[in-house]
Amino acid sequence: MERLGQRDLEVLLSCLREIYGQLDLDSFATKMVSTLPKVIPSEWTSYNEVDAQSRTITWAMDPFPSDFLEGTQIFERHIPEHPLINHYQRTGDGRAVKISDFLTRSQYHRLGLYNEFYRRLEVEHQMAVILPSPPPLVIGVAVNRNGRDFSERDRLLFDLLRPHLVQAYQNAESATRLRQDSAQLERA
């Protein structure tokens, strides 16, 4: 089993302090995608709300690819090909999984999802965890790399973070709902 060092734990705790400090869903997603690479280095980090049934996505990404405006539509077209979304829909298992857990590199490169979307972002490797949500919504947090694949240490760190991401998300969701209810009461 992988072992974590003192530095790993310090970075993990720092990330948790920042994520738990977010009191609404918008700032939660934004802070999470900017903070997570300190724990699990990645070129692209994203928070994704995917409705696999209607094939729509809402996301927060860091850094945001401003020169890829059609990216949302391209990704939405290829949602049924995504191995990590398919795995979660089949199993309900939200633990950290990598594309390489399901596909060889050549299989991945044959996907329209890769050729039209991930290749343009130079994403060769992806690992994601899923946050609980009502079907057909799939809320995923993904880290993406061009170089080396994610290690088992990276997976362990992501799995350790996941319950905290779930709780911080639920906290932000509750705070957002309370703020909206309060604003509605004021208007009434």
C-alpha atoms as a PDB file:
ATOM      1  CA  MET A   1       0.000   0.000   0.000  1.00  0.00           C
ATOM      2  CA  GLU A   2       1.139   3.523  -0.801  1.00  0.00           C
ATOM      3  CA  ARG A   3       2.398   5.628   2.090  1.00  0.00           C
ATOM      4  CA  LEU A   4       2.015   9.355   2.378  1.00  0.00           C
ATOM      5  CA  GLY A   5       4.695  11.627   3.749  1.00  0.00           C
ATOM      6  CA  GLN A   6       4.480  14.666   5.997  1.00  0.00           C
ATOM      7  CA  ARG A   7       4.472  17.015   2.966  1.00  0.00           C
ATOM      8  CA  ASP A   8       1.541  15.103   1.391  1.00  0.00           C
ATOM      9  CA  LEU A   9      -0.507  15.509   4.559  1.00  0.00           C
ATOM     10  CA  GLU A  10       0.321  19.212   4.915  1.00  0.00           C
ATOM     11  CA  VAL A  11      -0.751  19.920   1.323  1.00  0.00           C
ATOM     12  CA  LEU A  12      -3.886  17.800   1.758  1.00  0.00           C
ATOM     13  CA  LEU A  13      -4.892  19.686   4.935  1.00  0.00           C
ATOM     14  CA  SER A  14      -4.228  23.053   3.306  1.00  0.00           C
ATOM     15  CA  CYS A  15      -6.452  22.078   0.385  1.00  0.00           C
ATOM     16  CA  LEU A  16      -9.213  20.982   2.768  1.00  0.00           C
ATOM     17  CA  ARG A  17      -9.107  24.302   4.647  1.00  0.00           C
ATOM     18  CA  GLU A  18      -9.535  26.202   1.388  1.00  0.00           C
ATOM     19  CA  ILE A  19     -12.336  23.983   0.054  1.00  0.00           C
ATOM     20  CA  TYR A  20     -14.318  23.909   3.310  1.00  0.00           C
ATOM     21  CA  GLY A  21     -14.115  27.709   3.446  1.00  0.00           C
ATOM     22  CA  GLN A  22     -16.324  28.113   0.359  1.00  0.00           C
ATOM     23  CA  LEU A  23     -19.900  28.978   1.239  1.00  0.00           C
ATOM     24  CA  ASP A  24     -21.665  28.760  -2.107  1.00  0.00           C
ATOM     25  CA  LEU A  25     -21.609  26.393  -5.050  1.00  0.00           C
ATOM     26  CA  ASP A  26     -20.000  28.805  -7.514  1.00  0.00           C
ATOM     27  CA  SER A  27     -17.050  29.627  -5.286  1.00  0.00           C
ATOM     28  CA  PHE A  28     -16.774  25.957  -4.236  1.00  0.00           C
ATOM     29  CA  ALA A  29     -16.249  24.800  -7.833  1.00  0.00           C
ATOM     30  CA  THR A  30     -13.875  27.638  -8.666  1.00  0.00           C
ATOM     31  CA  LYS A  31     -11.775  27.215  -5.513  1.00  0.00           C
ATOM     32  CA  MET A  32     -11.666  23.445  -5.840  1.00  0.00           C
ATOM     33  CA  VAL A  33     -10.310  23.468  -9.409  1.00  0.00           C
ATOM     34  CA  SER A  34      -7.650  26.025  -8.472  1.00  0.00           C
ATOM     35  CA  THR A  35      -6.638  24.239  -5.233  1.00  0.00           C
ATOM     36  CA  LEU A  36      -6.693  20.557  -6.223  1.00  0.00           C
ATOM     37  CA  PRO A  37      -3.535  20.702  -8.416  1.00  0.00           C
ATOM     38  CA  LYS A  38      -1.534  21.531  -5.284  1.00  0.00           C
ATOM     39  CA  VAL A  39      -2.402  18.038  -4.023  1.00  0.00           C
ATOM     40  CA  ILE A  40      -2.523  16.137  -7.328  1.00  0.00           C
ATOM     41  CA  PRO A  41      -0.483  17.969  -9.968  1.00  0.00           C
ATOM     42  CA  SER A  42      -2.322  18.347 -13.264  1.00  0.00           C
ATOM     43  CA  GLU A  43      -2.361  20.616 -16.298  1.00  0.00           C
ATOM     44  CA  TRP A  44      -6.181  20.884 -16.311  1.00  0.00           C
ATOM     45  CA  THR A  45      -8.536  20.449 -13.378  1.00  0.00           C
ATOM     46  CA  SER A  46     -12.298  20.503 -13.774  1.00  0.00           C
ATOM     47  CA  TYR A  47     -15.545  20.329 -11.840  1.00  0.00           C
ATOM     48  CA  ASN A  48     -18.210  18.846 -14.126  1.00  0.00           C
ATOM     49  CA  GLU A  49     -21.970  18.466 -13.835  1.00  0.00           C
ATOM     50  CA  VAL A  50     -22.931  16.057 -16.604  1.00  0.00           C
ATOM     51  CA  ASP A  51     -26.492  15.102 -17.442  1.00  0.00           C
ATOM     52  CA  ALA A  52     -25.807  11.927 -19.384  1.00  0.00           C
ATOM     53  CA  GLN A  53     -29.468  11.577 -20.368  1.00  0.00           C
ATOM     54  CA  SER A  54     -29.827  14.974 -22.048  1.00  0.00           C
ATOM     55  CA  ARG A  55     -26.113  15.072 -22.936  1.00  0.00           C
ATOM     56  CA  THR A  56     -25.391  18.434 -21.348  1.00  0.00           C
ATOM     57  CA  ILE A  57     -22.519  19.655 -19.210  1.00  0.00           C
ATOM     58  CA  THR A  58     -21.788  22.586 -16.952  1.00  0.00           C
ATOM     59  CA  TRP A  59     -18.221  22.963 -15.762  1.00  0.00           C
ATOM     60  CA  ALA A  60     -15.599  25.015 -14.047  1.00  0.00           C
ATOM     61  CA  MET A  61     -12.090  24.462 -15.380  1.00  0.00           C
ATOM     62  CA  ASP A  62      -8.650  25.748 -14.416  1.00  0.00           C
ATOM     63  CA  PRO A  63      -7.050  26.969 -16.513  1.00  0.00           C
ATOM     64  CA  PHE A  64     -10.054  27.774 -18.722  1.00  0.00           C
ATOM     65  CA  PRO A  65      -9.300  27.175 -22.426  1.00  0.00           C
ATOM     66  CA  SER A  66     -10.497  30.513 -23.841  1.00  0.00           C
ATOM     67  CA  ASP A  67      -9.457  29.505 -27.365  1.00  0.00           C
ATOM     68  CA  PHE A  68     -11.744  26.430 -27.363  1.00  0.00           C
ATOM     69  CA  LEU A  69     -15.208  27.970 -27.198  1.00  0.00           C
ATOM     70  CA  GLU A  70     -16.840  25.039 -29.000  1.00  0.00           C
ATOM     71  CA  GLY A  71     -15.453  22.617 -26.388  1.00  0.00           C
ATOM     72  CA  THR A  72     -18.739  22.314 -24.495  1.00  0.00           C
ATOM     73  CA  GLN A  73     -20.685  21.232 -27.575  1.00  0.00           C
ATOM     74  CA  ILE A  74     -17.964  18.803 -28.640  1.00  0.00           C
ATOM     75  CA  PHE A  75     -17.795  17.205 -25.179  1.00  0.00           C
ATOM     76  CA  GLU A  76     -21.592  16.932 -24.990  1.00  0.00           C
ATOM     77  CA  ARG A  77     -21.655  15.058 -28.311  1.00  0.00           C
ATOM     78  CA  HIS A  78     -19.201  12.483 -26.955  1.00  0.00           C
ATOM     79  CA  ILE A  79     -20.556  11.949 -23.407  1.00  0.00           C
ATOM     80  CA  PRO A  80     -21.646   8.349 -24.210  1.00  0.00           C
ATOM     81  CA  GLU A  81     -18.007   7.448 -25.014  1.00  0.00           C
ATOM     82  CA  HIS A  82     -16.555   8.643 -21.716  1.00  0.00           C
ATOM     83  CA  PRO A  83     -15.252   5.560 -19.861  1.00  0.00           C
ATOM     84  CA  LEU A  84     -15.311   7.166 -16.401  1.00  0.00           C
ATOM     85  CA  ILE A  85     -18.905   8.394 -16.714  1.00  0.00           C
ATOM     86  CA  ASN A  86     -19.933   4.985 -18.066  1.00  0.00           C
ATOM     87  CA  HIS A  87     -18.183   3.232 -15.178  1.00  0.00           C
ATOM     88  CA  TYR A  88     -19.988   5.345 -12.592  1.00  0.00           C
ATOM     89  CA  GLN A  89     -23.380   4.871 -14.263  1.00  0.00           C
ATOM     90  CA  ARG A  90     -22.817   1.101 -14.339  1.00  0.00           C
ATOM     91  CA  THR A  91     -21.460   0.682 -10.807  1.00  0.00           C
ATOM     92  CA  GLY A  92     -22.301   3.762  -8.726  1.00  0.00           C
ATOM     93  CA  ASP A  93     -18.678   3.660  -7.526  1.00  0.00           C
ATOM     94  CA  GLY A  94     -17.424   7.231  -7.089  1.00  0.00           C
ATOM     95  CA  ARG A  95     -13.862   6.361  -6.088  1.00  0.00           C
ATOM     96  CA  ALA A  96     -10.901   7.635  -8.101  1.00  0.00           C
ATOM     97  CA  VAL A  97     -10.583   5.948 -11.482  1.00  0.00           C
ATOM     98  CA  LYS A  98      -8.371   6.653 -14.473  1.00  0.00           C
ATOM     99  CA  ILE A  99      -9.104   6.355 -18.161  1.00  0.00           C
ATOM    100  CA  SER A 100      -6.164   3.936 -18.294  1.00  0.00           C
ATOM    101  CA  ASP A 101      -8.071   1.638 -15.900  1.00  0.00           C
ATOM    102  CA  PHE A 102     -10.485   0.924 -18.763  1.00  0.00           C
ATOM    103  CA  LEU A 103      -8.739   1.674 -22.052  1.00  0.00           C
ATOM    104  CA  THR A 104      -5.308   1.182 -23.549  1.00  0.00           C
ATOM    105  CA  ARG A 105      -3.712   4.282 -25.000  1.00  0.00           C
ATOM    106  CA  SER A 106      -4.555   3.196 -28.556  1.00  0.00           C
ATOM    107  CA  GLN A 107      -8.200   2.497 -27.600  1.00  0.00           C
ATOM    108  CA  TYR A 108      -8.403   5.943 -26.003  1.00  0.00           C
ATOM    109  CA  HIS A 109      -6.877   7.553 -29.097  1.00  0.00           C
ATOM    110  CA  ARG A 110      -9.538   5.954 -31.309  1.00  0.00           C
ATOM    111  CA  LEU A 111     -12.374   7.694 -29.450  1.00  0.00           C
ATOM    112  CA  GLY A 112     -14.042  10.737 -30.956  1.00  0.00           C
ATOM    113  CA  LEU A 113     -13.938  12.105 -27.385  1.00  0.00           C
ATOM    114  CA  TYR A 114     -10.145  12.036 -27.554  1.00  0.00           C
ATOM    115  CA  ASN A 115      -9.701  13.169 -31.161  1.00  0.00           C
ATOM    116  CA  GLU A 116     -12.149  16.062 -31.062  1.00  0.00           C
ATOM    117  CA  PHE A 117     -11.854  17.135 -27.426  1.00  0.00           C
ATOM    118  CA  TYR A 118      -9.009  15.817 -25.253  1.00  0.00           C
ATOM    119  CA  ARG A 119      -6.369  15.867 -28.007  1.00  0.00           C
ATOM    120  CA  ARG A 120      -6.998  19.608 -28.490  1.00  0.00           C
ATOM    121  CA  LEU A 121      -6.440  20.154 -24.767  1.00  0.00           C
ATOM    122  CA  GLU A 122      -3.395  17.840 -24.837  1.00  0.00           C
ATOM    123  CA  VAL A 123      -4.985  15.525 -22.271  1.00  0.00           C
ATOM    124  CA  GLU A 124      -3.448  12.051 -22.397  1.00  0.00           C
ATOM    125  CA  HIS A 125      -4.420  10.987 -18.867  1.00  0.00           C
ATOM    126  CA  GLN A 126      -7.428  11.650 -16.684  1.00  0.00           C
ATOM    127  CA  MET A 127      -8.422  10.600 -13.182  1.00  0.00           C
ATOM    128  CA  ALA A 128     -11.734  11.529 -11.583  1.00  0.00           C
ATOM    129  CA  VAL A 129     -13.905  11.070  -8.522  1.00  0.00           C
ATOM    130  CA  ILE A 130     -17.679  11.366  -8.496  1.00  0.00           C
ATOM    131  CA  LEU A 131     -19.741  13.289  -5.951  1.00  0.00           C
ATOM    132  CA  PRO A 132     -23.175  11.873  -5.075  1.00  0.00           C
ATOM    133  CA  SER A 133     -26.056  13.433  -7.014  1.00  0.00           C
ATOM    134  CA  PRO A 134     -29.523  12.408  -8.175  1.00  0.00           C
ATOM    135  CA  PRO A 135     -29.575  10.535 -11.519  1.00  0.00           C
ATOM    136  CA  PRO A 136     -29.144  11.275 -14.347  1.00  0.00           C
ATOM    137  CA  LEU A 137     -26.748  13.966 -13.041  1.00  0.00           C
ATOM    138  CA  VAL A 138     -23.116  12.909 -12.644  1.00  0.00           C
ATOM    139  CA  ILE A 139     -20.904  15.362 -10.751  1.00  0.00           C
ATOM    140  CA  GLY A 140     -17.266  14.634 -11.427  1.00  0.00           C
ATOM    141  CA  VAL A 141     -14.028  16.219 -10.338  1.00  0.00           C
ATOM    142  CA  ALA A 142     -11.256  15.463 -12.822  1.00  0.00           C
ATOM    143  CA  VAL A 143      -7.525  16.010 -12.990  1.00  0.00           C
ATOM    144  CA  ASN A 144      -5.874  15.830 -16.404  1.00  0.00           C
ATOM    145  CA  ARG A 145      -2.295  15.470 -17.612  1.00  0.00           C
ATOM    146  CA  ASN A 146      -0.371  15.399 -20.839  1.00  0.00           C
ATOM    147  CA  GLY A 147       2.788  13.642 -19.606  1.00  0.00           C
ATOM    148  CA  ARG A 148       2.873  10.734 -17.195  1.00  0.00           C
ATOM    149  CA  ASP A 149      -0.220   8.903 -15.990  1.00  0.00           C
ATOM    150  CA  PHE A 150      -1.470   9.306 -12.433  1.00  0.00           C
ATOM    151  CA  SER A 151       0.195   7.100  -9.827  1.00  0.00           C
ATOM    152  CA  GLU A 152      -1.349   4.973  -7.114  1.00  0.00           C
ATOM    153  CA  ARG A 153      -0.193   7.658  -4.662  1.00  0.00           C
ATOM    154  CA  ASP A 154      -2.247  10.210  -6.651  1.00  0.00           C
ATOM    155  CA  ARG A 155      -5.230   7.853  -6.518  1.00  0.00           C
ATOM    156  CA  LEU A 156      -4.842   7.417  -2.756  1.00  0.00           C
ATOM    157  CA  LEU A 157      -4.742  11.186  -2.238  1.00  0.00           C
ATOM    158  CA  PHE A 158      -7.847  11.645  -4.415  1.00  0.00           C
ATOM    159  CA  ASP A 159      -9.699   8.898  -2.557  1.00  0.00           C
ATOM    160  CA  LEU A 160      -8.742  10.495   0.771  1.00  0.00           C
ATOM    161  CA  LEU A 161     -10.013  13.854  -0.486  1.00  0.00           C
ATOM    162  CA  ARG A 162     -13.274  12.521  -1.914  1.00  0.00           C
ATOM    163  CA  PRO A 163     -15.360  12.299   1.315  1.00  0.00           C
ATOM    164  CA  HIS A 164     -14.271  15.847   2.132  1.00  0.00           C
ATOM    165  CA  LEU A 165     -15.158  17.061  -1.354  1.00  0.00           C
ATOM    166  CA  VAL A 166     -18.589  15.460  -0.887  1.00  0.00           C
ATOM    167  CA  GLN A 167     -19.083  17.169   2.491  1.00  0.00           C
ATOM    168  CA  ALA A 168     -17.780  20.548   1.314  1.00  0.00           C
ATOM    169  CA  TYR A 169     -20.081  20.328  -1.723  1.00  0.00           C
ATOM    170  CA  GLN A 170     -23.075  19.524   0.511  1.00  0.00           C
ATOM    171  CA  ASN A 171     -22.144  22.427   2.829  1.00  0.00           C
ATOM    172  CA  ALA A 172     -21.907  24.843  -0.120  1.00  0.00           C
ATOM    173  CA  GLU A 173     -25.167  23.508  -1.556  1.00  0.00           C
ATOM    174  CA  SER A 174     -26.969  24.038   1.784  1.00  0.00           C
ATOM    175  CA  ALA A 175     -25.531  27.535   2.228  1.00  0.00           C
ATOM    176  CA  THR A 176     -26.552  28.455  -1.327  1.00  0.00           C
ATOM    177  CA  ARG A 177     -30.077  27.135  -0.758  1.00  0.00           C
ATOM    178  CA  LEU A 178     -30.367  29.047   2.549  1.00  0.00           C
ATOM    179  CA  ARG A 179     -29.207  32.253   0.880  1.00  0.00           C
ATOM    180  CA  GLN A 180     -31.757  31.773  -1.929  1.00  0.00           C
ATOM    181  CA  ASP A 181     -34.569  31.008   0.556  1.00  0.00           C
ATOM    182  CA  SER A 182     -33.651  34.059   2.618  1.00  0.00           C
ATOM    183  CA  ALA A 183     -33.686  36.290  -0.476  1.00  0.00           C
ATOM    184  CA  GLN A 184     -37.089  34.894  -1.447  1.00  0.00           C
ATOM    185  CA  LEU A 185     -38.469  35.608   2.033  1.00  0.00           C
ATOM    186  CA  GLU A 186     -37.162  39.177   1.885  1.00  0.00           C
ATOM    187  CA  ARG A 187     -38.882  39.735  -1.463  1.00  0.00           C
ATOM    188  CA  ALA A 188     -42.158  38.335  -0.056  1.00  0.00           C
END
